[in-house]
Amino acid sequence: MCTLLGVSRAGYYRHWRASAPAEEETALRDRLQQLALAHRHYGYRRLGPLLRHEGWAVNHKRVLRLMREDNLLCLRRKSFVPATTDSRHGWRVWPNLARHLVPTAIDQLWVADITYVRLAEAFVYLAVILDAFSRKVIGWSLQDHLRAELALEALDQALASRTIIAGCLVHHSDRGVQYACGTYIARLEARGIQPSMSRIACPWDNAQAESFMKTLKQEEVDGTTHRTIDEAKSAIGSFIDDVYNTQRLHSALSYRSPAVFEASRATQLAAAQQPAGWLTTNCA
């Protein structure tokens, strides 16, 4: 080819060294940017194997250099995690009733949990209550403190939104003082709700609530900075009401949203004309 074109071999290779690597570098940077946007939580250690799986000849040093040059920053886990559970208290710890419980209808098992939300200059705390059967958030509260009022506000919201049959509902939570204190337990017992608490250092006992918190952090909280608690309340409330409860598809619900799942279940029960219960024949 060099002879036919009248070009020396040395001139060809000088041109190749000046153009081909630059073209390859540009294509690589373009693909790296696409992968970094698609996997916002991936750093150079994970993006490198993704590129190599696609046939790119790169090592971790090159990927790190390109990410620094193009300012491709991943969303990192927070280095400081405020404590939300204080189980060192003198209140009664209730036995775990939810460990092997499989609900067959709504309002048979509620799960509750508390997490933190980071604002621009402070931390606030979110308490939620979910129906374990439909995964629907039925009560939540966001405050700048961890007093029992935080959990009680979420509980009151849940009680106001549901029709409870005494003796047919278990409320499961961790061993935190917010859930074990006398005021909270009295509120449950007044409505005929049986308290239940997780075992020590066993997050799997409250996996459904933990799963929701993870979803909330990944899809709403992480990557978003709210300056005030009112901004956070508005955004989180919109996510719960307009996205999570009504639109987000759950694999455990045959890829239906909690609202659609509850509506379809109600239709099935009405057609069958019989309650679905697991505690007594009066539990529906």
Protein backbone atom coordinates (compact mmCIF):
# COMPACT_ATOMS: atom_id res chain seq x y z
CA MET A 1 0.00 0.00 0.00
CA CYS A 2 2.83 2.41 0.80
CA THR A 3 4.45 1.68 -2.62
CA LEU A 4 1.19 2.18 -4.51
CA LEU A 5 0.49 5.46 -2.71
CA GLY A 6 4.05 6.67 -2.94
CA VAL A 7 4.39 6.95 0.83
CA SER A 8 7.32 5.75 2.89
CA ARG A 9 6.70 3.17 5.60
CA ALA A 10 8.19 5.47 8.19
CA GLY A 11 5.81 8.25 7.15
CA TYR A 12 2.85 5.87 7.37
CA TYR A 13 3.69 4.83 10.90
CA ARG A 14 4.27 8.44 11.98
CA HIS A 15 0.80 9.29 10.72
CA TRP A 16 -0.70 6.20 12.41
CA ARG A 17 0.83 7.07 15.76
CA ALA A 18 -0.60 10.58 15.48
CA SER A 19 -4.16 9.66 14.45
CA ALA A 20 -5.19 6.07 15.35
CA PRO A 21 -4.53 6.27 19.12
CA ALA A 22 -6.39 9.58 19.29
CA GLU A 23 -9.41 8.05 17.53
CA GLU A 24 -9.31 5.04 19.86
CA GLU A 25 -9.00 7.31 22.89
CA THR A 26 -12.00 9.38 21.80
CA ALA A 27 -14.14 6.30 21.23
CA LEU A 28 -13.10 4.86 24.59
CA ARG A 29 -13.92 8.07 26.45
CA ASP A 30 -17.31 8.21 24.78
CA ARG A 31 -18.13 4.65 25.83
CA LEU A 32 -16.79 5.24 29.35
CA GLN A 33 -19.07 8.25 29.75
CA GLN A 34 -22.06 6.20 28.61
CA LEU A 35 -21.31 3.43 31.13
CA ALA A 36 -20.65 5.90 33.95
CA LEU A 37 -24.05 7.55 33.39
CA ALA A 38 -25.80 4.19 33.17
CA HIS A 39 -24.15 2.92 36.38
CA ARG A 40 -24.01 5.97 38.63
CA HIS A 41 -22.73 4.01 41.65
CA TYR A 42 -19.86 2.33 39.77
CA GLY A 43 -16.28 3.52 40.24
CA TYR A 44 -13.22 2.76 38.11
CA ARG A 45 -12.84 -0.73 39.62
CA ARG A 46 -16.22 -1.84 38.19
CA LEU A 47 -16.24 0.25 35.02
CA GLY A 48 -12.90 -1.29 33.98
CA PRO A 49 -14.25 -4.87 33.79
CA LEU A 50 -17.34 -3.59 31.93
CA LEU A 51 -15.10 -2.06 29.28
CA ARG A 52 -12.94 -5.18 29.04
CA HIS A 53 -16.03 -7.35 28.63
CA GLU A 54 -16.86 -5.23 25.59
CA GLY A 55 -13.40 -5.78 24.11
CA TRP A 56 -11.57 -2.61 25.15
CA ALA A 57 -7.91 -3.04 26.12
CA VAL A 58 -7.79 -0.98 29.31
CA ASN A 59 -6.45 -1.37 32.81
CA HIS A 60 -7.65 0.26 36.02
CA LYS A 61 -5.04 3.06 35.81
CA ARG A 62 -6.24 4.19 32.42
CA VAL A 63 -9.90 4.08 33.44
CA LEU A 64 -9.13 6.10 36.57
CA ARG A 65 -7.18 8.68 34.55
CA LEU A 66 -9.98 9.13 32.03
CA MET A 67 -12.61 9.41 34.76
CA ARG A 68 -10.56 12.12 36.48
CA GLU A 69 -10.02 14.02 33.25
CA ASP A 70 -13.72 13.89 32.35
CA ASN A 71 -14.91 14.45 35.96
CA LEU A 72 -16.93 11.21 35.98
CA LEU A 73 -17.66 10.98 39.68
CA CYS A 74 -19.67 8.05 41.02
CA LEU A 75 -22.28 8.38 43.78
CA ARG A 76 -20.52 7.14 46.87
CA ARG A 77 -21.84 5.77 50.11
CA LYS A 78 -21.81 8.26 52.94
CA SER A 79 -18.82 7.80 55.21
CA PHE A 80 -20.84 8.73 58.28
CA VAL A 81 -24.13 7.00 59.06
CA PRO A 82 -26.10 8.44 61.96
CA ALA A 83 -27.47 5.88 64.39
CA THR A 84 -31.26 5.56 64.27
CA THR A 85 -31.76 2.60 66.61
CA ASP A 86 -31.13 2.66 70.35
CA SER A 87 -31.99 -0.72 71.87
CA ARG A 88 -30.30 0.02 75.19
CA HIS A 89 -33.44 0.79 77.17
CA GLY A 90 -35.49 -0.66 79.99
CA TRP A 91 -38.70 -1.22 78.05
CA ARG A 92 -40.01 -4.68 77.26
CA VAL A 93 -38.67 -6.38 74.13
CA TRP A 94 -41.51 -8.24 72.43
CA PRO A 95 -41.05 -11.66 70.81
CA ASN A 96 -40.63 -11.95 67.06
CA LEU A 97 -44.02 -12.97 65.65
CA ALA A 98 -43.22 -12.08 62.05
CA ARG A 99 -40.27 -14.39 61.50
CA HIS A 100 -42.25 -17.23 59.90
CA LEU A 101 -45.43 -15.29 59.18
CA VAL A 102 -46.68 -15.17 55.59
CA PRO A 103 -49.63 -12.74 55.29
CA THR A 104 -52.46 -13.62 52.93
CA ALA A 105 -54.25 -10.25 52.94
CA ILE A 106 -53.64 -6.62 53.80
CA ASP A 107 -53.57 -5.44 57.41
CA GLN A 108 -52.27 -8.70 58.81
CA LEU A 109 -48.62 -7.66 59.12
CA TRP A 110 -47.16 -4.15 59.22
CA VAL A 111 -43.42 -3.51 59.21
CA ALA A 112 -41.85 -0.30 60.52
CA ASP A 113 -38.38 1.21 60.36
CA ILE A 114 -36.45 4.48 60.75
CA THR A 115 -33.62 5.81 58.57
CA TYR A 116 -31.72 9.05 58.14
CA VAL A 117 -31.90 11.53 55.25
CA ARG A 118 -29.04 13.92 54.64
CA LEU A 119 -29.82 17.56 53.91
CA ALA A 120 -27.31 20.12 52.69
CA GLU A 121 -26.28 21.07 56.23
CA ALA A 122 -27.94 18.60 58.59
CA PHE A 123 -29.51 15.17 59.07
CA VAL A 124 -33.23 14.45 59.41
CA TYR A 125 -34.97 11.17 60.15
CA LEU A 126 -37.68 9.25 58.31
CA ALA A 127 -40.06 6.75 59.91
CA VAL A 128 -42.19 4.53 57.67
CA ILE A 129 -44.79 1.79 58.04
CA LEU A 130 -45.47 -0.66 55.22
CA ASP A 131 -48.11 -3.30 54.74
CA ALA A 132 -46.07 -6.48 54.32
CA PHE A 133 -48.65 -8.08 52.03
CA SER A 134 -48.80 -5.31 49.41
CA ARG A 135 -45.52 -3.46 50.18
CA LYS A 136 -47.54 -0.24 50.26
CA VAL A 137 -46.32 2.64 52.43
CA ILE A 138 -49.30 3.44 54.64
CA GLY A 139 -47.66 5.85 57.06
CA TRP A 140 -44.53 8.01 57.20
CA SER A 141 -43.04 10.93 59.07
CA LEU A 142 -39.95 13.10 58.54
CA GLN A 143 -38.57 15.07 61.50
CA ASP A 144 -35.31 16.54 62.72
CA HIS A 145 -35.28 14.37 65.87
CA LEU A 146 -35.44 10.73 66.95
CA ARG A 147 -37.98 11.06 69.74
CA ALA A 148 -40.96 8.73 69.96
CA GLU A 149 -43.15 11.37 68.29
CA LEU A 150 -41.43 10.57 64.99
CA ALA A 151 -42.62 6.96 64.98
CA LEU A 152 -45.99 7.86 66.51
CA GLU A 153 -46.80 10.28 63.69
CA ALA A 154 -46.18 7.55 61.11
CA LEU A 155 -48.30 5.12 63.15
CA ASP A 156 -51.19 7.58 63.45
CA GLN A 157 -51.12 8.13 59.69
CA ALA A 158 -51.24 4.38 59.08
CA LEU A 159 -54.11 3.87 61.55
CA ALA A 160 -56.10 6.67 59.91
CA SER A 161 -55.71 5.17 56.45
CA ARG A 162 -56.73 1.59 57.31
CA THR A 163 -59.62 -0.29 58.86
CA ILE A 164 -58.16 -2.47 61.60
CA ILE A 165 -59.80 -5.59 63.05
CA ALA A 166 -58.66 -6.13 66.63
CA GLY A 167 -56.54 -9.24 67.07
CA CYS A 168 -55.79 -9.66 63.39
CA LEU A 169 -52.76 -7.42 62.93
CA VAL A 170 -49.09 -7.79 63.91
CA HIS A 171 -46.85 -4.71 64.00
CA HIS A 172 -43.17 -5.61 63.50
CA SER A 173 -40.20 -3.34 64.09
CA ASP A 174 -36.67 -3.33 65.46
CA ARG A 175 -35.92 -3.02 69.18
CA GLY A 176 -35.49 0.74 69.09
CA VAL A 177 -36.74 2.79 72.02
CA GLN A 178 -39.16 4.63 69.73
CA TYR A 179 -41.11 1.40 69.19
CA ALA A 180 -40.63 -0.15 72.65
CA CYS A 181 -41.64 2.86 74.73
CA GLY A 182 -44.86 2.80 76.69
CA THR A 183 -46.66 5.41 74.56
CA TYR A 184 -46.13 3.51 71.32
CA ILE A 185 -47.07 0.11 72.76
CA ALA A 186 -50.16 1.60 74.39
CA ARG A 187 -51.25 3.02 71.03
CA LEU A 188 -50.92 -0.44 69.46
CA GLU A 189 -52.70 -2.29 72.26
CA ALA A 190 -55.54 0.21 72.25
CA ARG A 191 -56.33 -0.87 68.67
CA GLY A 192 -55.81 -4.59 69.32
CA ILE A 193 -52.51 -4.74 67.43
CA GLN A 194 -49.89 -7.26 68.55
CA PRO A 195 -46.29 -5.88 68.82
CA SER A 196 -43.39 -7.86 67.37
CA MET A 197 -39.67 -7.07 67.34
CA SER A 198 -36.60 -8.32 65.51
CA ARG A 199 -33.86 -10.42 67.02
CA ILE A 200 -30.59 -8.80 68.06
CA ALA A 201 -28.37 -7.77 65.12
CA CYS A 202 -30.60 -9.48 62.56
CA PRO A 203 -31.70 -7.07 59.79
CA TRP A 204 -33.26 -9.95 57.83
CA ASP A 205 -36.13 -10.01 60.35
CA ASN A 206 -37.27 -6.67 58.92
CA ALA A 207 -36.12 -7.17 55.36
CA GLN A 208 -39.17 -5.63 53.67
CA ALA A 209 -38.80 -2.32 55.47
CA GLU A 210 -35.04 -2.37 54.85
CA SER A 211 -35.70 -3.02 51.15
CA PHE A 212 -37.96 0.00 50.91
CA MET A 213 -35.36 2.21 52.58
CA LYS A 214 -32.77 1.03 50.05
CA THR A 215 -35.13 1.79 47.17
CA LEU A 216 -35.88 5.23 48.57
CA LYS A 217 -32.19 6.04 48.96
CA GLN A 218 -31.24 4.82 45.48
CA GLU A 219 -34.14 6.27 43.52
CA GLU A 220 -34.89 9.50 45.37
CA VAL A 221 -32.48 10.56 48.12
CA ASP A 222 -29.00 9.75 46.76
CA GLY A 223 -27.73 12.34 44.31
CA THR A 224 -30.29 14.91 45.50
CA THR A 225 -29.48 17.66 47.97
CA HIS A 226 -32.34 19.29 49.85
CA ARG A 227 -31.53 22.44 51.76
CA THR A 228 -34.49 22.35 54.15
CA ILE A 229 -36.65 19.72 55.77
CA ASP A 230 -39.70 21.10 53.95
CA GLU A 231 -38.04 20.46 50.59
CA ALA A 232 -37.20 16.92 51.68
CA LYS A 233 -40.78 16.30 52.88
CA SER A 234 -42.20 17.46 49.57
CA ALA A 235 -39.83 15.34 47.48
CA ILE A 236 -40.14 12.19 49.60
CA GLY A 237 -43.91 12.52 49.88
CA SER A 238 -44.17 12.88 46.11
CA PHE A 239 -41.97 9.81 45.59
CA ILE A 240 -44.02 7.69 48.00
CA ASP A 241 -47.47 8.76 46.76
CA ASP A 242 -46.85 9.30 43.04
CA VAL A 243 -44.10 6.79 42.28
CA TYR A 244 -43.56 4.03 44.83
CA ASN A 245 -47.17 3.26 45.82
CA THR A 246 -48.81 3.83 42.44
CA GLN A 247 -46.25 3.30 39.67
CA ARG A 248 -43.20 1.33 40.76
CA LEU A 249 -43.39 -2.33 39.76
CA HIS A 250 -42.44 -4.97 42.36
CA SER A 251 -41.20 -8.40 41.38
CA ALA A 252 -42.77 -9.83 44.55
CA LEU A 253 -46.16 -8.52 43.36
CA SER A 254 -45.90 -10.06 39.88
CA TYR A 255 -44.58 -6.73 38.60
CA ARG A 256 -47.48 -4.63 39.79
CA SER A 257 -47.48 -1.53 41.93
CA PRO A 258 -48.75 -1.78 45.53
CA ALA A 259 -51.90 0.19 44.72
CA VAL A 260 -52.74 -1.99 41.70
CA PHE A 261 -51.95 -5.14 43.67
CA GLU A 262 -54.29 -4.17 46.53
CA ALA A 263 -57.07 -3.25 44.08
CA SER A 264 -56.76 -6.55 42.22
CA ARG A 265 -56.69 -8.48 45.50
CA ALA A 266 -59.84 -6.71 46.69
CA THR A 267 -61.56 -7.63 43.43
CA GLN A 268 -60.57 -11.28 43.83
CA LEU A 269 -61.83 -11.40 47.41
CA ALA A 270 -65.11 -9.79 46.44
CA ALA A 271 -65.57 -12.33 43.67
CA ALA A 272 -64.81 -15.22 45.97
CA GLN A 273 -67.09 -13.73 48.67
CA GLN A 274 -64.93 -15.07 51.47
CA PRO A 275 -62.33 -13.46 53.75
CA ALA A 276 -58.69 -14.47 53.62
CA GLY A 277 -57.27 -14.81 57.11
CA TRP A 278 -54.57 -16.54 59.07
CA LEU A 279 -55.25 -15.61 62.71
CA THR A 280 -59.00 -16.08 63.07
CA THR A 281 -61.91 -16.58 60.73
CA ASN A 282 -62.84 -12.92 61.30
CA CYS A 283 -59.52 -11.55 59.99
CA ALA A 284 -59.71 -10.27 56.44
